[in-house]
Amino acid sequence: MKHLVKKLLKTHPNMGYSIARLTLGLVIFPHGAQKLLGLFGGYGYTATMESFTTQMGLPSFIAFSIIIIEFFGSISLILGLFSRFWAVSLIGMFIGIIYTTQLAHGFFMNWFGNQAGEGYEYSLLIIGLALTIMVNGSGTWSIDKLISKKQ
């Protein structure tokens, strides 16, 4: 178990990986805050769960996981805490988003409102940033780096 945690926390001492991690965390945080707390014009936990399970037909576990990944995952990414775990979680989540809601609408986002839904280009950017973090770790400015130094 200790070996697994050590491997999970290991990070390359590179400022670029910290920038990728911070960017990803800061971009995802408002979405998680909308879903969990109702901030930034969101509907909050109860309404989001209702929408995900009733209107979109997602299982409760998946709906709950999306809210947790976006909120707590983004905060953990900003702090650089278990970033590889949260990056993998976001990759899985965004692959699911592409498959279930975006693939049918093509590549491009719906910038001009002339499509029936959003394309998957934004999701690919999120996956690319998350892959960078998954492969390289949290980077120089992170709690992961501080913890791994002490072990």
Protein backbone atom coordinates (compact mmCIF):
# COMPACT_ATOMS: atom_id res chain seq x y z
CA MET A 1 0.00 0.00 0.00
CA LYS A 2 2.79 2.41 0.91
CA HIS A 3 4.50 1.64 -2.42
CA LEU A 4 1.27 2.45 -4.31
CA VAL A 5 0.83 5.79 -2.51
CA LYS A 6 4.46 6.67 -3.14
CA LYS A 7 4.04 5.89 -6.84
CA LEU A 8 0.82 7.91 -6.97
CA LEU A 9 2.49 10.95 -5.38
CA LYS A 10 5.71 10.82 -7.43
CA THR A 11 5.99 13.87 -9.63
CA HIS A 12 8.44 15.37 -12.07
CA PRO A 13 9.91 18.65 -10.78
CA ASN A 14 8.70 20.74 -13.69
CA MET A 15 6.81 24.02 -13.51
CA GLY A 16 4.96 23.19 -16.75
CA TYR A 17 3.18 20.25 -15.14
CA SER A 18 2.08 22.51 -12.30
CA ILE A 19 0.68 24.97 -14.85
CA ALA A 20 -1.24 22.18 -16.63
CA ARG A 21 -2.62 20.92 -13.30
CA LEU A 22 -3.64 24.38 -12.11
CA THR A 23 -5.27 25.18 -15.44
CA LEU A 24 -7.26 21.96 -15.37
CA GLY A 25 -8.33 22.44 -11.75
CA LEU A 26 -9.32 26.07 -12.26
CA VAL A 27 -11.34 25.30 -15.40
CA ILE A 28 -13.22 22.37 -13.82
CA PHE A 29 -13.85 23.99 -10.40
CA PRO A 30 -16.73 26.31 -11.44
CA HIS A 31 -18.55 23.36 -13.02
CA GLY A 32 -18.23 21.32 -9.83
CA ALA A 33 -19.28 24.32 -7.70
CA GLN A 34 -22.36 24.75 -9.90
CA LYS A 35 -23.36 21.14 -9.46
CA LEU A 36 -22.62 20.71 -5.75
CA LEU A 37 -23.20 24.16 -4.25
CA GLY A 38 -25.31 26.03 -6.78
CA LEU A 39 -22.60 28.66 -7.30
CA PHE A 40 -21.90 30.40 -10.63
CA GLY A 41 -25.54 30.10 -11.69
CA GLY A 42 -25.71 26.36 -11.01
CA TYR A 43 -28.63 24.43 -9.57
CA GLY A 44 -26.94 22.71 -6.64
CA TYR A 45 -26.69 19.09 -5.60
CA THR A 46 -30.34 18.04 -5.40
CA ALA A 47 -31.41 19.58 -8.71
CA THR A 48 -28.28 18.33 -10.48
CA MET A 49 -28.83 14.78 -9.23
CA GLU A 50 -32.46 14.99 -10.32
CA SER A 51 -31.47 16.24 -13.77
CA PHE A 52 -28.75 13.63 -14.25
CA THR A 53 -30.88 10.69 -13.11
CA THR A 54 -34.32 11.66 -14.39
CA GLN A 55 -33.72 13.72 -17.52
CA MET A 56 -30.44 12.17 -18.67
CA GLY A 57 -31.12 8.68 -17.32
CA LEU A 58 -27.76 8.28 -15.60
CA PRO A 59 -27.47 5.85 -12.70
CA SER A 60 -27.31 7.60 -9.31
CA PHE A 61 -23.76 6.39 -8.71
CA ILE A 62 -22.55 7.95 -11.98
CA ALA A 63 -24.37 11.21 -11.30
CA PHE A 64 -22.89 11.38 -7.79
CA SER A 65 -19.43 10.53 -9.13
CA ILE A 66 -19.56 13.36 -11.68
CA ILE A 67 -20.36 15.89 -8.97
CA ILE A 68 -17.62 14.58 -6.65
CA ILE A 69 -14.99 14.39 -9.41
CA GLU A 70 -15.71 17.91 -10.63
CA PHE A 71 -15.83 19.54 -7.20
CA PHE A 72 -13.36 17.69 -4.99
CA GLY A 73 -11.19 16.63 -7.92
CA SER A 74 -10.75 20.21 -9.09
CA ILE A 75 -9.83 21.40 -5.59
CA SER A 76 -7.36 18.54 -5.24
CA LEU A 77 -5.86 19.39 -8.62
CA ILE A 78 -5.47 23.04 -7.65
CA LEU A 79 -3.66 21.95 -4.49
CA GLY A 80 -1.71 19.22 -6.26
CA LEU A 81 -3.01 16.45 -3.99
CA PHE A 82 -3.36 12.95 -5.53
CA SER A 83 -3.43 14.63 -8.94
CA ARG A 84 -2.86 11.42 -10.89
CA PHE A 85 -5.98 9.86 -9.35
CA TRP A 86 -8.13 12.89 -10.15
CA ALA A 87 -6.66 13.15 -13.67
CA VAL A 88 -7.61 9.53 -14.38
CA SER A 89 -11.08 10.20 -12.95
CA LEU A 90 -11.54 13.19 -15.26
CA ILE A 91 -10.30 11.22 -18.26
CA GLY A 92 -12.88 8.53 -17.60
CA MET A 93 -15.61 11.07 -17.00
CA PHE A 94 -14.89 13.03 -20.17
CA ILE A 95 -14.65 9.89 -22.30
CA GLY A 96 -18.13 9.11 -20.97
CA ILE A 97 -19.33 12.63 -21.82
CA ILE A 98 -18.00 12.34 -25.35
CA TYR A 99 -19.57 8.93 -25.85
CA THR A 100 -22.98 9.70 -24.30
CA THR A 101 -23.65 13.30 -25.34
CA GLN A 102 -21.10 14.86 -27.69
CA LEU A 103 -20.09 12.33 -30.34
CA ALA A 104 -23.34 12.74 -32.26
CA HIS A 105 -22.73 16.50 -32.57
CA GLY A 106 -19.30 16.31 -34.19
CA PHE A 107 -16.00 17.87 -33.26
CA PHE A 108 -16.77 21.57 -32.84
CA MET A 109 -18.33 23.22 -29.82
CA ASN A 110 -21.66 24.92 -30.40
CA TRP A 111 -20.23 28.45 -30.52
CA PHE A 112 -23.07 29.95 -32.56
CA GLY A 113 -26.01 27.89 -31.31
CA ASN A 114 -26.59 26.28 -34.69
CA GLN A 115 -26.07 22.67 -33.54
CA ALA A 116 -28.36 20.42 -31.53
CA GLY A 117 -25.63 20.06 -28.87
CA GLU A 118 -21.95 20.47 -28.08
CA GLY A 119 -19.15 18.81 -30.01
CA TYR A 120 -16.23 17.16 -28.24
CA GLU A 121 -13.31 19.57 -28.82
CA TYR A 122 -13.44 20.98 -25.25
CA SER A 123 -13.51 17.47 -23.84
CA LEU A 124 -10.42 16.52 -25.85
CA LEU A 125 -8.56 19.50 -24.35
CA ILE A 126 -9.54 18.38 -20.85
CA ILE A 127 -8.43 14.82 -21.61
CA GLY A 128 -5.11 16.09 -23.00
CA LEU A 129 -4.35 18.15 -19.88
CA ALA A 130 -5.41 15.26 -17.66
CA LEU A 131 -3.17 12.84 -19.58
CA THR A 132 -0.22 15.17 -19.03
CA ILE A 133 -0.89 15.13 -15.29
CA MET A 134 -1.50 11.37 -15.24
CA VAL A 135 1.85 10.68 -16.91
CA ASN A 136 3.99 13.31 -15.18
CA GLY A 137 2.36 14.02 -11.84
CA SER A 138 1.56 17.30 -10.13
CA GLY A 139 4.73 19.22 -10.91
CA THR A 140 6.88 21.49 -8.80
CA TRP A 141 4.27 23.44 -6.84
CA SER A 142 2.17 20.69 -5.28
CA ILE A 143 1.28 18.95 -2.06
CA ASP A 144 2.19 15.67 -3.78
CA LYS A 145 5.77 16.90 -4.13
CA LEU A 146 5.92 17.98 -0.48
CA ILE A 147 4.54 14.63 0.72
CA SER A 148 6.81 12.57 -1.53
CA LYS A 149 9.88 14.45 -0.25
CA LYS A 150 9.04 13.38 3.32
CA GLN A 151 8.74 9.67 2.44
